[in-house]
């Protein structure tokens, strides 16, 4: 069973081309999901947003195309293609697309302890 899904193995591919923005939508493609990590590609149409929420894990976004506006703990950050931002666990954050953009989101969750 592969750990990375929805992406060809042993092939070089342009990551941003693996997901396409659709008018009025946020499109996502999950590449990996388990109790410790989540890796998802997103394509935001201009004007789309994910409202304020928080996460149990640290969330790192890498913008692949365009520019996204991220609000983390009340502070706004414009993140451009080729840049990354970490949104710390437990801190409220939101995402807005001032223009169409694509990003890779990696969330690393705390290890489970019993």
N, C-alpha and C. Protein backbone atom coordinates (compact mmCIF):
# COMPACT_ATOMS: atom_id res chain seq x y z
N UNK A 1 0.84 -1.18 0.00
CA UNK A 1 0.00 0.00 0.00
C UNK A 1 0.89 1.25 0.00
N UNK A 2 0.69 2.15 -0.96
CA UNK A 2 1.52 3.35 -0.99
C UNK A 2 1.13 4.33 0.11
N UNK A 3 2.12 5.04 0.62
CA UNK A 3 1.88 6.07 1.63
C UNK A 3 1.46 7.39 0.99
N UNK A 4 1.99 7.66 -0.21
CA UNK A 4 1.60 8.84 -0.98
C UNK A 4 0.62 8.35 -2.04
N UNK A 5 -0.56 8.98 -2.09
CA UNK A 5 -1.57 8.58 -3.07
C UNK A 5 -1.92 9.77 -3.96
N UNK A 6 -2.65 9.51 -5.00
CA UNK A 6 -3.13 10.55 -5.92
C UNK A 6 -2.01 11.34 -6.57
N UNK A 7 -0.84 10.74 -6.67
CA UNK A 7 0.30 11.36 -7.32
C UNK A 7 1.17 10.23 -7.86
N UNK A 8 1.59 10.32 -9.13
CA UNK A 8 2.37 9.22 -9.72
C UNK A 8 3.69 8.99 -8.98
N UNK A 9 4.02 7.75 -8.78
CA UNK A 9 5.29 7.39 -8.14
C UNK A 9 6.37 7.23 -9.21
N UNK A 10 7.60 7.58 -8.83
CA UNK A 10 8.78 7.44 -9.67
C UNK A 10 8.65 8.21 -10.99
N UNK A 11 7.98 9.35 -10.93
CA UNK A 11 7.85 10.23 -12.09
C UNK A 11 8.08 11.68 -11.63
N UNK A 12 8.78 12.45 -12.44
CA UNK A 12 8.94 13.87 -12.17
C UNK A 12 7.74 14.58 -12.77
N UNK A 13 7.02 15.35 -11.94
CA UNK A 13 5.81 16.04 -12.40
C UNK A 13 5.79 17.46 -11.82
N UNK A 14 5.26 18.43 -12.56
CA UNK A 14 5.08 19.77 -11.99
C UNK A 14 3.93 19.74 -10.98
N UNK A 15 4.25 19.93 -9.72
CA UNK A 15 3.29 19.78 -8.64
C UNK A 15 2.05 20.67 -8.82
N UNK A 16 2.25 21.91 -9.23
CA UNK A 16 1.13 22.84 -9.37
C UNK A 16 0.12 22.38 -10.43
N UNK A 17 0.54 21.57 -11.38
CA UNK A 17 -0.36 21.12 -12.43
C UNK A 17 -1.23 19.94 -12.00
N UNK A 18 -1.01 19.44 -10.80
CA UNK A 18 -1.78 18.29 -10.31
C UNK A 18 -3.14 18.68 -9.74
N UNK A 19 -3.40 19.98 -9.64
CA UNK A 19 -4.69 20.47 -9.14
C UNK A 19 -5.02 21.75 -9.89
N UNK A 20 -6.29 21.91 -10.27
CA UNK A 20 -6.69 23.08 -11.06
C UNK A 20 -7.81 23.83 -10.35
N UNK A 21 -7.71 25.15 -10.36
CA UNK A 21 -8.76 25.99 -9.76
C UNK A 21 -10.01 25.91 -10.63
N UNK A 22 -11.16 25.94 -9.97
CA UNK A 22 -12.45 25.97 -10.64
C UNK A 22 -13.18 27.23 -10.16
N UNK A 23 -13.87 27.93 -11.05
CA UNK A 23 -14.56 29.16 -10.64
C UNK A 23 -15.46 28.93 -9.42
N UNK A 24 -15.32 29.80 -8.42
CA UNK A 24 -16.16 29.74 -7.24
C UNK A 24 -15.89 28.58 -6.30
N UNK A 25 -14.72 27.93 -6.45
CA UNK A 25 -14.43 26.75 -5.64
C UNK A 25 -13.02 26.75 -5.07
N UNK A 26 -12.87 25.88 -4.07
CA UNK A 26 -11.55 25.49 -3.59
C UNK A 26 -11.45 24.01 -3.91
N UNK A 27 -10.46 23.65 -4.69
CA UNK A 27 -10.26 22.26 -5.10
C UNK A 27 -9.08 21.71 -4.30
N UNK A 28 -9.24 20.49 -3.78
CA UNK A 28 -8.13 19.89 -3.02
C UNK A 28 -7.89 18.47 -3.49
N UNK A 29 -6.65 18.04 -3.30
CA UNK A 29 -6.25 16.66 -3.60
C UNK A 29 -5.36 16.19 -2.46
N UNK A 30 -5.84 15.21 -1.70
CA UNK A 30 -5.07 14.66 -0.59
C UNK A 30 -3.99 13.74 -1.14
N UNK A 31 -2.75 13.98 -0.70
CA UNK A 31 -1.62 13.15 -1.12
C UNK A 31 -1.21 12.16 -0.03
N UNK A 32 -1.40 12.53 1.22
CA UNK A 32 -1.08 11.62 2.34
C UNK A 32 -1.94 12.02 3.53
N UNK A 33 -2.40 11.02 4.28
CA UNK A 33 -3.22 11.28 5.46
C UNK A 33 -3.05 10.12 6.43
N UNK A 34 -2.57 10.43 7.63
CA UNK A 34 -2.49 9.43 8.69
C UNK A 34 -2.53 10.19 10.02
N UNK A 35 -2.45 9.51 11.14
CA UNK A 35 -2.56 10.24 12.42
C UNK A 35 -1.43 11.23 12.70
N UNK A 36 -0.35 11.18 11.92
CA UNK A 36 0.82 12.01 12.19
C UNK A 36 1.07 13.12 11.19
N UNK A 37 0.57 12.94 9.96
CA UNK A 37 0.84 13.93 8.91
C UNK A 37 -0.30 13.93 7.89
N UNK A 38 -0.53 15.12 7.35
CA UNK A 38 -1.49 15.29 6.27
C UNK A 38 -0.83 16.17 5.21
N UNK A 39 -0.89 15.75 3.95
CA UNK A 39 -0.31 16.51 2.85
C UNK A 39 -1.40 16.67 1.79
N UNK A 40 -1.74 17.94 1.48
CA UNK A 40 -2.84 18.20 0.56
C UNK A 40 -2.49 19.35 -0.38
N UNK A 41 -2.80 19.16 -1.65
CA UNK A 41 -2.68 20.22 -2.64
C UNK A 41 -4.00 20.98 -2.69
N UNK A 42 -3.94 22.30 -2.82
CA UNK A 42 -5.13 23.12 -2.93
C UNK A 42 -5.00 24.07 -4.11
N UNK A 43 -6.13 24.32 -4.78
CA UNK A 43 -6.23 25.38 -5.78
C UNK A 43 -7.44 26.23 -5.41
N UNK A 44 -7.21 27.50 -5.14
CA UNK A 44 -8.25 28.44 -4.76
C UNK A 44 -8.61 29.32 -5.95
N UNK A 45 -9.90 29.45 -6.23
CA UNK A 45 -10.33 30.46 -7.19
C UNK A 45 -10.26 31.82 -6.51
N UNK A 46 -10.10 32.87 -7.29
CA UNK A 46 -10.06 34.23 -6.74
C UNK A 46 -11.29 34.49 -5.88
N UNK A 47 -11.07 35.04 -4.69
CA UNK A 47 -12.15 35.40 -3.79
C UNK A 47 -12.61 34.31 -2.85
N UNK A 48 -12.11 33.09 -3.02
CA UNK A 48 -12.50 31.98 -2.14
C UNK A 48 -11.71 32.05 -0.84
N UNK A 49 -12.26 31.42 0.20
CA UNK A 49 -11.58 31.46 1.50
C UNK A 49 -11.93 30.25 2.35
N UNK A 50 -11.06 30.00 3.30
CA UNK A 50 -11.32 29.04 4.39
C UNK A 50 -11.39 29.89 5.65
N UNK A 51 -12.51 29.83 6.34
CA UNK A 51 -12.73 30.69 7.50
C UNK A 51 -11.82 30.30 8.66
N UNK A 52 -11.79 31.14 9.65
CA UNK A 52 -10.91 30.97 10.80
C UNK A 52 -11.17 29.65 11.51
N UNK A 53 -10.10 28.94 11.76
CA UNK A 53 -10.13 27.65 12.45
C UNK A 53 -8.75 27.44 13.06
N UNK A 54 -8.59 26.35 13.81
CA UNK A 54 -7.24 26.01 14.29
C UNK A 54 -7.00 24.54 14.04
N UNK A 55 -5.80 24.11 14.31
CA UNK A 55 -5.40 22.74 14.05
C UNK A 55 -4.62 22.21 15.25
N UNK A 56 -4.71 20.92 15.47
CA UNK A 56 -3.95 20.29 16.55
C UNK A 56 -2.47 20.17 16.19
N UNK A 57 -2.14 20.33 14.90
CA UNK A 57 -0.75 20.22 14.47
C UNK A 57 -0.25 21.50 13.84
N UNK A 58 1.07 21.60 13.69
CA UNK A 58 1.66 22.72 12.96
C UNK A 58 1.33 22.54 11.47
N UNK A 59 0.89 23.62 10.84
CA UNK A 59 0.51 23.57 9.43
C UNK A 59 1.46 24.47 8.63
N UNK A 60 2.13 23.89 7.64
CA UNK A 60 3.02 24.67 6.79
C UNK A 60 2.43 24.74 5.39
N UNK A 61 2.30 25.96 4.87
CA UNK A 61 1.84 26.14 3.50
C UNK A 61 3.03 26.55 2.65
N UNK A 62 3.07 26.00 1.45
CA UNK A 62 4.04 26.39 0.44
C UNK A 62 3.22 26.83 -0.76
N UNK A 63 3.29 28.11 -1.12
CA UNK A 63 2.53 28.61 -2.25
C UNK A 63 3.27 28.24 -3.53
N UNK A 64 2.53 27.61 -4.45
CA UNK A 64 3.11 27.11 -5.70
C UNK A 64 2.90 28.09 -6.85
N UNK A 65 1.73 28.73 -6.88
CA UNK A 65 1.40 29.72 -7.90
C UNK A 65 0.54 30.80 -7.27
N UNK A 66 0.72 32.04 -7.72
CA UNK A 66 -0.11 33.13 -7.23
C UNK A 66 0.27 33.60 -5.85
N UNK A 67 -0.71 34.22 -5.17
CA UNK A 67 -0.51 34.79 -3.84
C UNK A 67 -1.72 34.48 -2.97
N UNK A 68 -1.46 34.03 -1.74
CA UNK A 68 -2.52 33.79 -0.78
C UNK A 68 -2.37 34.72 0.41
N UNK A 69 -3.50 35.07 1.01
CA UNK A 69 -3.46 35.89 2.23
C UNK A 69 -3.85 35.00 3.40
N UNK A 70 -2.94 34.87 4.34
CA UNK A 70 -3.12 34.01 5.50
C UNK A 70 -3.17 34.89 6.74
N UNK A 71 -4.19 34.68 7.56
CA UNK A 71 -4.30 35.40 8.82
C UNK A 71 -4.00 34.40 9.93
N UNK A 72 -2.96 34.66 10.69
CA UNK A 72 -2.52 33.75 11.75
C UNK A 72 -2.50 34.52 13.06
N UNK A 73 -3.34 34.10 13.99
CA UNK A 73 -3.40 34.79 15.27
C UNK A 73 -3.72 36.27 15.12
N UNK A 74 -4.54 36.62 14.12
CA UNK A 74 -4.93 38.01 13.90
C UNK A 74 -3.98 38.81 13.03
N UNK A 75 -2.82 38.25 12.65
CA UNK A 75 -1.84 38.96 11.82
C UNK A 75 -1.90 38.44 10.39
N UNK A 76 -2.02 39.36 9.41
CA UNK A 76 -2.10 38.98 8.01
C UNK A 76 -0.71 38.82 7.39
N UNK A 77 -0.62 37.81 6.52
CA UNK A 77 0.62 37.53 5.79
C UNK A 77 0.27 37.28 4.33
N UNK A 78 0.90 37.98 3.41
CA UNK A 78 0.79 37.67 1.99
C UNK A 78 1.92 36.71 1.65
N UNK A 79 1.56 35.57 1.12
CA UNK A 79 2.55 34.55 0.78
C UNK A 79 2.49 34.34 -0.73
N UNK A 80 3.64 34.54 -1.37
CA UNK A 80 3.75 34.49 -2.83
C UNK A 80 4.34 33.16 -3.28
N UNK A 81 4.21 32.87 -4.57
CA UNK A 81 4.78 31.65 -5.14
C UNK A 81 6.24 31.52 -4.74
N UNK A 82 6.60 30.34 -4.27
CA UNK A 82 7.96 30.07 -3.84
C UNK A 82 8.21 30.35 -2.37
N UNK A 83 7.21 30.88 -1.67
CA UNK A 83 7.36 31.19 -0.25
C UNK A 83 6.54 30.22 0.59
N UNK A 84 6.89 30.14 1.89
CA UNK A 84 6.22 29.24 2.82
C UNK A 84 5.91 29.98 4.11
N UNK A 85 4.94 29.45 4.85
CA UNK A 85 4.53 30.02 6.13
C UNK A 85 4.09 28.87 7.03
N UNK A 86 4.53 28.91 8.29
CA UNK A 86 4.07 27.93 9.28
C UNK A 86 3.02 28.58 10.15
N UNK A 87 1.90 27.89 10.28
CA UNK A 87 0.81 28.33 11.16
C UNK A 87 0.85 27.39 12.36
N UNK A 88 1.26 27.89 13.53
CA UNK A 88 1.48 27.01 14.69
C UNK A 88 0.20 26.34 15.18
N UNK A 89 0.37 25.15 15.72
CA UNK A 89 -0.74 24.39 16.29
C UNK A 89 -1.48 25.23 17.33
N UNK A 90 -2.80 25.13 17.32
CA UNK A 90 -3.62 25.78 18.32
C UNK A 90 -3.86 27.27 18.11
N UNK A 91 -3.23 27.86 17.09
CA UNK A 91 -3.40 29.29 16.81
C UNK A 91 -4.44 29.43 15.69
N UNK A 92 -5.50 30.22 15.91
CA UNK A 92 -6.50 30.40 14.86
C UNK A 92 -5.88 31.00 13.59
N UNK A 93 -6.32 30.47 12.45
CA UNK A 93 -5.82 30.96 11.18
C UNK A 93 -6.91 30.84 10.11
N UNK A 94 -6.76 31.61 9.04
CA UNK A 94 -7.70 31.63 7.93
C UNK A 94 -6.92 31.84 6.64
N UNK A 95 -7.55 31.50 5.52
CA UNK A 95 -6.92 31.63 4.20
C UNK A 95 -7.89 32.36 3.27
N UNK A 96 -7.36 33.31 2.50
CA UNK A 96 -8.16 34.04 1.51
C UNK A 96 -7.36 34.14 0.22
N UNK A 97 -8.07 34.04 -0.90
CA UNK A 97 -7.43 34.12 -2.22
C UNK A 97 -7.71 35.49 -2.86
N UNK A 98 -6.80 36.47 -2.70
CA UNK A 98 -6.99 37.75 -3.39
C UNK A 98 -6.88 37.59 -4.90
N UNK A 99 -6.26 36.50 -5.32
CA UNK A 99 -6.18 36.08 -6.72
C UNK A 99 -6.17 34.56 -6.70
N UNK A 100 -6.39 33.93 -7.83
CA UNK A 100 -6.30 32.47 -7.88
C UNK A 100 -4.90 32.07 -7.45
N UNK A 101 -4.83 31.05 -6.59
CA UNK A 101 -3.51 30.56 -6.19
C UNK A 101 -3.57 29.09 -5.83
N UNK A 102 -2.38 28.48 -5.80
CA UNK A 102 -2.24 27.07 -5.46
C UNK A 102 -1.23 26.93 -4.34
N UNK A 103 -1.49 25.95 -3.47
CA UNK A 103 -0.58 25.74 -2.35
C UNK A 103 -0.51 24.26 -2.00
N UNK A 104 0.57 23.90 -1.35
CA UNK A 104 0.74 22.59 -0.76
C UNK A 104 0.69 22.78 0.75
N UNK A 105 -0.22 22.07 1.41
CA UNK A 105 -0.38 22.16 2.86
C UNK A 105 0.13 20.87 3.49
N UNK A 106 1.06 21.03 4.43
CA UNK A 106 1.56 19.90 5.21
C UNK A 106 1.27 20.18 6.67
N UNK A 107 0.52 19.27 7.31
CA UNK A 107 0.21 19.41 8.73
C UNK A 107 0.88 18.26 9.46
N UNK A 108 1.67 18.60 10.45
CA UNK A 108 2.36 17.59 11.27
C UNK A 108 1.68 17.60 12.64
N UNK A 109 1.10 16.47 13.00
CA UNK A 109 0.35 16.35 14.25
C UNK A 109 1.23 15.84 15.36
N UNK A 110 0.88 16.16 16.61
CA UNK A 110 1.66 15.63 17.74
C UNK A 110 1.54 14.11 17.80
N UNK A 111 2.58 13.48 18.31
CA UNK A 111 2.53 12.02 18.44
C UNK A 111 1.52 11.65 19.51
N UNK A 112 0.91 10.52 19.34
CA UNK A 112 -0.07 10.01 20.29
C UNK A 112 0.66 9.42 21.49
N UNK A 113 0.23 9.77 22.69
CA UNK A 113 0.80 9.16 23.90
C UNK A 113 -0.32 8.55 24.71
N UNK A 114 -0.06 7.43 25.28
CA UNK A 114 -1.09 6.74 26.09
C UNK A 114 -0.73 6.77 27.56
